[in-house]
Amino acid sequence: MTLKPSAGTGTELSWFKSSYSGDSDSNECLEVAPTPSTIHIRDSKNPDGPQLRLRPAAWADFVAYAAAEG
């Protein structure tokens, strides 16, 4: 998986979406903005909507689980 920068909403976060999300015009994906202490997650179709925030360890557990289930 590679990460592609996504258009932001004017915040200081740098949002990325997975290369698995399809073509570059697709907005049907989650976007992630990692920081040292928090992983921010949002729906690419609603960038101004609610965000999920996880600690890096919880994100790593989720990614490992999703990879095993995929």
PDB file of N, CA and C in Angstrom:
ATOM      1  N   MET A   1       0.836  -1.166   0.000  1.00  0.00           N
ATOM      2  CA  MET A   1       0.000   0.000   0.000  1.00  0.00           C
ATOM      3  C   MET A   1       0.885   1.235   0.000  1.00  0.00           C
ATOM      4  N   THR A   2       0.523   2.189  -0.808  1.00  0.00           N
ATOM      5  CA  THR A   2       1.190   3.487  -0.779  1.00  0.00           C
ATOM      6  C   THR A   2       0.163   4.531  -0.362  1.00  0.00           C
ATOM      7  N   LEU A   3       0.643   5.655   0.077  1.00  0.00           N
ATOM      8  CA  LEU A   3      -0.240   6.727   0.501  1.00  0.00           C
ATOM      9  C   LEU A   3      -0.160   7.871  -0.480  1.00  0.00           C
ATOM     10  N   LYS A   4      -1.331   8.469  -0.762  1.00  0.00           N
ATOM     11  CA  LYS A   4      -1.388   9.619  -1.645  1.00  0.00           C
ATOM     12  C   LYS A   4      -1.920  10.805  -0.865  1.00  0.00           C
ATOM     13  N   PRO A   5      -1.260  11.974  -0.954  1.00  0.00           N
ATOM     14  CA  PRO A   5      -1.793  13.153  -0.268  1.00  0.00           C
ATOM     15  C   PRO A   5      -3.180  13.475  -0.787  1.00  0.00           C
ATOM     16  N   SER A   6      -4.025  13.953   0.085  1.00  0.00           N
ATOM     17  CA  SER A   6      -5.373  14.339  -0.274  1.00  0.00           C
ATOM     18  C   SER A   6      -5.563  15.818   0.012  1.00  0.00           C
ATOM     19  N   ALA A   7      -6.494  16.420  -0.692  1.00  0.00           N
ATOM     20  CA  ALA A   7      -6.777  17.830  -0.454  1.00  0.00           C
ATOM     21  C   ALA A   7      -7.245  18.026   0.970  1.00  0.00           C
ATOM     22  N   GLY A   8      -6.685  18.960   1.638  1.00  0.00           N
ATOM     23  CA  GLY A   8      -7.051  19.219   3.022  1.00  0.00           C
ATOM     24  C   GLY A   8      -8.175  20.225   3.126  1.00  0.00           C
ATOM     25  N   THR A   9      -8.527  20.542   4.330  1.00  0.00           N
ATOM     26  CA  THR A   9      -9.594  21.500   4.578  1.00  0.00           C
ATOM     27  C   THR A   9      -9.031  22.763   5.205  1.00  0.00           C
ATOM     28  N   GLY A  10      -7.751  23.025   5.009  1.00  0.00           N
ATOM     29  CA  GLY A  10      -7.155  24.217   5.565  1.00  0.00           C
ATOM     30  C   GLY A  10      -6.612  24.012   6.972  1.00  0.00           C
ATOM     31  N   THR A  11      -6.590  22.788   7.440  1.00  0.00           N
ATOM     32  CA  THR A  11      -6.043  22.521   8.762  1.00  0.00           C
ATOM     33  C   THR A  11      -4.560  22.232   8.644  1.00  0.00           C
ATOM     34  N   GLU A  12      -3.897  22.117   9.773  1.00  0.00           N
ATOM     35  CA  GLU A  12      -2.469  21.824   9.766  1.00  0.00           C
ATOM     36  C   GLU A  12      -2.178  20.344   9.528  1.00  0.00           C
ATOM     37  N   LEU A  13      -3.197  19.498   9.525  1.00  0.00           N
ATOM     38  CA  LEU A  13      -2.995  18.065   9.312  1.00  0.00           C
ATOM     39  C   LEU A  13      -2.747  17.771   7.839  1.00  0.00           C
ATOM     40  N   SER A  14      -1.907  16.771   7.568  1.00  0.00           N
ATOM     41  CA  SER A  14      -1.670  16.299   6.203  1.00  0.00           C
ATOM     42  C   SER A  14      -2.425  14.995   6.031  1.00  0.00           C
ATOM     43  N   TRP A  15      -3.479  15.042   5.256  1.00  0.00           N
ATOM     44  CA  TRP A  15      -4.355  13.879   5.068  1.00  0.00           C
ATOM     45  C   TRP A  15      -3.866  13.026   3.906  1.00  0.00           C
ATOM     46  N   PHE A  16      -3.975  11.700   4.074  1.00  0.00           N
ATOM     47  CA  PHE A  16      -3.595  10.739   3.047  1.00  0.00           C
ATOM     48  C   PHE A  16      -4.683   9.703   2.894  1.00  0.00           C
ATOM     49  N   LYS A  17      -4.789   9.152   1.688  1.00  0.00           N
ATOM     50  CA  LYS A  17      -5.656   7.996   1.509  1.00  0.00           C
ATOM     51  C   LYS A  17      -4.871   6.900   0.823  1.00  0.00           C
ATOM     52  N   SER A  18      -5.302   5.693   1.015  1.00  0.00           N
ATOM     53  CA  SER A  18      -4.606   4.528   0.498  1.00  0.00           C
ATOM     54  C   SER A  18      -4.658   4.469  -1.021  1.00  0.00           C
ATOM     55  N   SER A  19      -3.612   3.924  -1.609  1.00  0.00           N
ATOM     56  CA  SER A  19      -3.621   3.690  -3.054  1.00  0.00           C
ATOM     57  C   SER A  19      -4.640   2.618  -3.420  1.00  0.00           C
ATOM     58  N   TYR A  20      -5.108   1.850  -2.459  1.00  0.00           N
ATOM     59  CA  TYR A  20      -6.134   0.834  -2.697  1.00  0.00           C
ATOM     60  C   TYR A  20      -7.508   1.453  -2.909  1.00  0.00           C
ATOM     61  N   SER A  21      -7.656   2.739  -2.743  1.00  0.00           N
ATOM     62  CA  SER A  21      -8.971   3.371  -2.826  1.00  0.00           C
ATOM     63  C   SER A  21      -9.462   3.545  -4.258  1.00  0.00           C
ATOM     64  N   GLY A  22      -8.681   3.221  -5.234  1.00  0.00           N
ATOM     65  CA  GLY A  22      -9.120   3.345  -6.615  1.00  0.00           C
ATOM     66  C   GLY A  22      -8.430   4.509  -7.298  1.00  0.00           C
ATOM     67  N   ASP A  23      -9.090   5.028  -8.341  1.00  0.00           N
ATOM     68  CA  ASP A  23      -8.463   6.109  -9.101  1.00  0.00           C
ATOM     69  C   ASP A  23      -8.358   7.373  -8.259  1.00  0.00           C
ATOM     70  N   SER A  24      -7.572   8.299  -8.737  1.00  0.00           N
ATOM     71  CA  SER A  24      -7.270   9.507  -7.960  1.00  0.00           C
ATOM     72  C   SER A  24      -8.480  10.414  -7.787  1.00  0.00           C
ATOM     73  N   ASP A  25      -9.529  10.234  -8.591  1.00  0.00           N
ATOM     74  CA  ASP A  25     -10.730  11.060  -8.459  1.00  0.00           C
ATOM     75  C   ASP A  25     -11.742  10.465  -7.500  1.00  0.00           C
ATOM     76  N   SER A  26     -11.478   9.280  -6.989  1.00  0.00           N
ATOM     77  CA  SER A  26     -12.415   8.610  -6.094  1.00  0.00           C
ATOM     78  C   SER A  26     -12.390   9.243  -4.710  1.00  0.00           C
ATOM     79  N   ASN A  27     -13.563   9.457  -4.150  1.00  0.00           N
ATOM     80  CA  ASN A  27     -13.663   9.975  -2.793  1.00  0.00           C
ATOM     81  C   ASN A  27     -14.257   8.931  -1.857  1.00  0.00           C
ATOM     82  N   GLU A  28     -14.262   7.675  -2.265  1.00  0.00           N
ATOM     83  CA  GLU A  28     -14.857   6.623  -1.466  1.00  0.00           C
ATOM     84  C   GLU A  28     -13.790   5.907  -0.651  1.00  0.00           C
ATOM     85  N   CYS A  29     -13.251   6.611   0.310  1.00  0.00           N
ATOM     86  CA  CYS A  29     -12.160   6.053   1.091  1.00  0.00           C
ATOM     87  C   CYS A  29     -12.043   6.803   2.407  1.00  0.00           C
ATOM     88  N   LEU A  30     -11.431   6.139   3.352  1.00  0.00           N
ATOM     89  CA  LEU A  30     -11.049   6.829   4.574  1.00  0.00           C
ATOM     90  C   LEU A  30      -9.743   7.556   4.315  1.00  0.00           C
ATOM     91  N   GLU A  31      -9.572   8.672   4.978  1.00  0.00           N
ATOM     92  CA  GLU A  31      -8.316   9.406   4.918  1.00  0.00           C
ATOM     93  C   GLU A  31      -7.711   9.415   6.318  1.00  0.00           C
ATOM     94  N   VAL A  32      -6.396   9.407   6.356  1.00  0.00           N
ATOM     95  CA  VAL A  32      -5.661   9.331   7.616  1.00  0.00           C
ATOM     96  C   VAL A  32      -4.654  10.476   7.678  1.00  0.00           C
ATOM     97  N   ALA A  33      -4.555  11.081   8.852  1.00  0.00           N
ATOM     98  CA  ALA A  33      -3.556  12.134   9.098  1.00  0.00           C
ATOM     99  C   ALA A  33      -2.814  11.763  10.377  1.00  0.00           C
ATOM    100  N   PRO A  34      -1.651  11.128  10.234  1.00  0.00           N
ATOM    101  CA  PRO A  34      -0.902  10.736  11.434  1.00  0.00           C
ATOM    102  C   PRO A  34      -0.132  11.901  12.048  1.00  0.00           C
ATOM    103  N   THR A  35      -0.099  11.932  13.364  1.00  0.00           N
ATOM    104  CA  THR A  35       0.753  12.840  14.125  1.00  0.00           C
ATOM    105  C   THR A  35       1.502  11.957  15.130  1.00  0.00           C
ATOM    106  N   PRO A  36       2.490  12.459  15.810  1.00  0.00           N
ATOM    107  CA  PRO A  36       3.230  11.607  16.746  1.00  0.00           C
ATOM    108  C   PRO A  36       2.362  10.978  17.844  1.00  0.00           C
ATOM    109  N   SER A  37       1.310  11.663  18.272  1.00  0.00           N
ATOM    110  CA  SER A  37       0.517  11.147  19.388  1.00  0.00           C
ATOM    111  C   SER A  37      -0.875  10.675  19.015  1.00  0.00           C
ATOM    112  N   THR A  38      -1.344  10.982  17.802  1.00  0.00           N
ATOM    113  CA  THR A  38      -2.716  10.665  17.416  1.00  0.00           C
ATOM    114  C   THR A  38      -2.793  10.344  15.930  1.00  0.00           C
ATOM    115  N   ILE A  39      -3.636   9.366  15.605  1.00  0.00           N
ATOM    116  CA  ILE A  39      -3.961   9.076  14.211  1.00  0.00           C
ATOM    117  C   ILE A  39      -5.371   9.606  13.985  1.00  0.00           C
ATOM    118  N   HIS A  40      -5.513  10.573  13.081  1.00  0.00           N
ATOM    119  CA  HIS A  40      -6.804  11.171  12.763  1.00  0.00           C
ATOM    120  C   HIS A  40      -7.372  10.437  11.549  1.00  0.00           C
ATOM    121  N   ILE A  41      -8.666  10.123  11.598  1.00  0.00           N
ATOM    122  CA  ILE A  41      -9.316   9.379  10.521  1.00  0.00           C
ATOM    123  C   ILE A  41     -10.607  10.105  10.167  1.00  0.00           C
ATOM    124  N   ARG A  42     -10.869  10.243   8.863  1.00  0.00           N
ATOM    125  CA  ARG A  42     -12.107  10.882   8.420  1.00  0.00           C
ATOM    126  C   ARG A  42     -12.616  10.215   7.153  1.00  0.00           C
ATOM    127  N   ASP A  43     -13.862  10.474   6.825  1.00  0.00           N
ATOM    128  CA  ASP A  43     -14.491  10.007   5.595  1.00  0.00           C
ATOM    129  C   ASP A  43     -14.132  10.995   4.493  1.00  0.00           C
ATOM    130  N   SER A  44     -13.549  10.519   3.413  1.00  0.00           N
ATOM    131  CA  SER A  44     -13.117  11.422   2.345  1.00  0.00           C
ATOM    132  C   SER A  44     -14.291  12.131   1.680  1.00  0.00           C
ATOM    133  N   LYS A  45     -15.489  11.556   1.763  1.00  0.00           N
ATOM    134  CA  LYS A  45     -16.666  12.195   1.174  1.00  0.00           C
ATOM    135  C   LYS A  45     -17.190  13.339   2.044  1.00  0.00           C
ATOM    136  N   ASN A  46     -16.739  13.390   3.298  1.00  0.00           N
ATOM    137  CA  ASN A  46     -17.217  14.401   4.233  1.00  0.00           C
ATOM    138  C   ASN A  46     -16.038  14.928   5.065  1.00  0.00           C
ATOM    139  N   PRO A  47     -15.095  15.629   4.430  1.00  0.00           N
ATOM    140  CA  PRO A  47     -13.882  16.046   5.140  1.00  0.00           C
ATOM    141  C   PRO A  47     -14.135  17.007   6.301  1.00  0.00           C
ATOM    142  N   ASP A  48     -15.262  17.709   6.295  1.00  0.00           N
ATOM    143  CA  ASP A  48     -15.570  18.615   7.395  1.00  0.00           C
ATOM    144  C   ASP A  48     -16.413  17.945   8.475  1.00  0.00           C
ATOM    145  N   GLY A  49     -16.728  16.678   8.278  1.00  0.00           N
ATOM    146  CA  GLY A  49     -17.546  15.946   9.238  1.00  0.00           C
ATOM    147  C   GLY A  49     -16.742  15.442  10.416  1.00  0.00           C
ATOM    148  N   PRO A  50     -17.333  14.543  11.173  1.00  0.00           N
ATOM    149  CA  PRO A  50     -16.655  14.029  12.369  1.00  0.00           C
ATOM    150  C   PRO A  50     -15.377  13.262  12.026  1.00  0.00           C
ATOM    151  N   GLN A  51     -14.480  13.245  12.975  1.00  0.00           N
ATOM    152  CA  GLN A  51     -13.220  12.515  12.822  1.00  0.00           C
ATOM    153  C   GLN A  51     -13.064  11.542  13.973  1.00  0.00           C
ATOM    154  N   LEU A  52     -12.440  10.439  13.676  1.00  0.00           N
ATOM    155  CA  LEU A  52     -12.063   9.471  14.696  1.00  0.00           C
ATOM    156  C   LEU A  52     -10.594   9.718  15.012  1.00  0.00           C
ATOM    157  N   ARG A  53     -10.259   9.669  16.287  1.00  0.00           N
ATOM    158  CA  ARG A  53      -8.865   9.856  16.699  1.00  0.00           C
ATOM    159  C   ARG A  53      -8.433   8.664  17.532  1.00  0.00           C
ATOM    160  N   LEU A  54      -7.328   8.053  17.149  1.00  0.00           N
ATOM    161  CA  LEU A  54      -6.813   6.877  17.843  1.00  0.00           C
ATOM    162  C   LEU A  54      -5.367   7.104  18.268  1.00  0.00           C
ATOM    163  N   ARG A  55      -4.977   6.411  19.309  1.00  0.00           N
ATOM    164  CA  ARG A  55      -3.553   6.386  19.676  1.00  0.00           C
ATOM    165  C   ARG A  55      -2.845   5.498  18.654  1.00  0.00           C
ATOM    166  N   PRO A  56      -1.577   5.750  18.385  1.00  0.00           N
ATOM    167  CA  PRO A  56      -0.858   4.950  17.388  1.00  0.00           C
ATOM    168  C   PRO A  56      -0.918   3.439  17.637  1.00  0.00           C
ATOM    169  N   ALA A  57      -0.867   3.002  18.894  1.00  0.00           N
ATOM    170  CA  ALA A  57      -0.926   1.564  19.182  1.00  0.00           C
ATOM    171  C   ALA A  57      -2.274   0.977  18.778  1.00  0.00           C
ATOM    172  N   ALA A  58      -3.359   1.702  19.019  1.00  0.00           N
ATOM    173  CA  ALA A  58      -4.692   1.225  18.621  1.00  0.00           C
ATOM    174  C   ALA A  58      -4.805   1.165  17.105  1.00  0.00           C
ATOM    175  N   TRP A  59      -4.252   2.145  16.402  1.00  0.00           N
ATOM    176  CA  TRP A  59      -4.252   2.145  14.936  1.00  0.00           C
ATOM    177  C   TRP A  59      -3.466   0.946  14.406  1.00  0.00           C
ATOM    178  N   ALA A  60      -2.308   0.681  14.986  1.00  0.00           N
ATOM    179  CA  ALA A  60      -1.494  -0.456  14.555  1.00  0.00           C
ATOM    180  C   ALA A  60      -2.249  -1.769  14.755  1.00  0.00           C
ATOM    181  N   ASP A  61      -2.953  -1.905  15.880  1.00  0.00           N
ATOM    182  CA  ASP A  61      -3.773  -3.104  16.116  1.00  0.00           C
ATOM    183  C   ASP A  61      -4.870  -3.236  15.070  1.00  0.00           C
ATOM    184  N   PHE A  62      -5.537  -2.120  14.744  1.00  0.00           N
ATOM    185  CA  PHE A  62      -6.591  -2.140  13.742  1.00  0.00           C
ATOM    186  C   PHE A  62      -6.050  -2.535  12.367  1.00  0.00           C
ATOM    187  N   VAL A  63      -4.948  -1.943  11.969  1.00  0.00           N
ATOM    188  CA  VAL A  63      -4.373  -2.243  10.651  1.00  0.00           C
ATOM    189  C   VAL A  63      -3.968  -3.719  10.570  1.00  0.00           C
ATOM    190  N   ALA A  64      -3.376  -4.244  11.636  1.00  0.00           N
ATOM    191  CA  ALA A  64      -2.999  -5.665  11.640  1.00  0.00           C
ATOM    192  C   ALA A  64      -4.234  -6.544  11.528  1.00  0.00           C
ATOM    193  N   TYR A  65      -5.303  -6.198  12.232  1.00  0.00           N
ATOM    194  CA  TYR A  65      -6.540  -6.971  12.161  1.00  0.00           C
ATOM    195  C   TYR A  65      -7.159  -6.899  10.763  1.00  0.00           C
ATOM    196  N   ALA A  66      -7.222  -5.687  10.190  1.00  0.00           N
ATOM    197  CA  ALA A  66      -7.804  -5.514   8.856  1.00  0.00           C
ATOM    198  C   ALA A  66      -6.997  -6.280   7.812  1.00  0.00           C
ATOM    199  N   ALA A  67      -5.694  -6.273   7.917  1.00  0.00           N
ATOM    200  CA  ALA A  67      -4.845  -6.998   6.960  1.00  0.00           C
ATOM    201  C   ALA A  67      -5.080  -8.499   7.053  1.00  0.00           C
ATOM    202  N   ALA A  68      -5.272  -9.003   8.263  1.00  0.00           N
ATOM    203  CA  ALA A  68      -5.502 -10.436   8.456  1.00  0.00           C
ATOM    204  C   ALA A  68      -6.871 -10.856   7.923  1.00  0.00           C
ATOM    205  N   GLU A  69      -7.853  -9.951   8.002  1.00  0.00           N
ATOM    206  CA  GLU A  69      -9.208 -10.251   7.557  1.00  0.00           C
ATOM    207  C   GLU A  69      -9.385 -10.048   6.060  1.00  0.00           C
ATOM    208  N   GLY A  70      -8.516  -9.221   5.465  1.00  0.00           N
ATOM    209  CA  GLY A  70      -8.665  -8.812   4.071  1.00  0.00           C
ATOM    210  C   GLY A  70      -8.413  -9.895   3.126  1.00  0.00           C
TER     211      GLY A  70
END
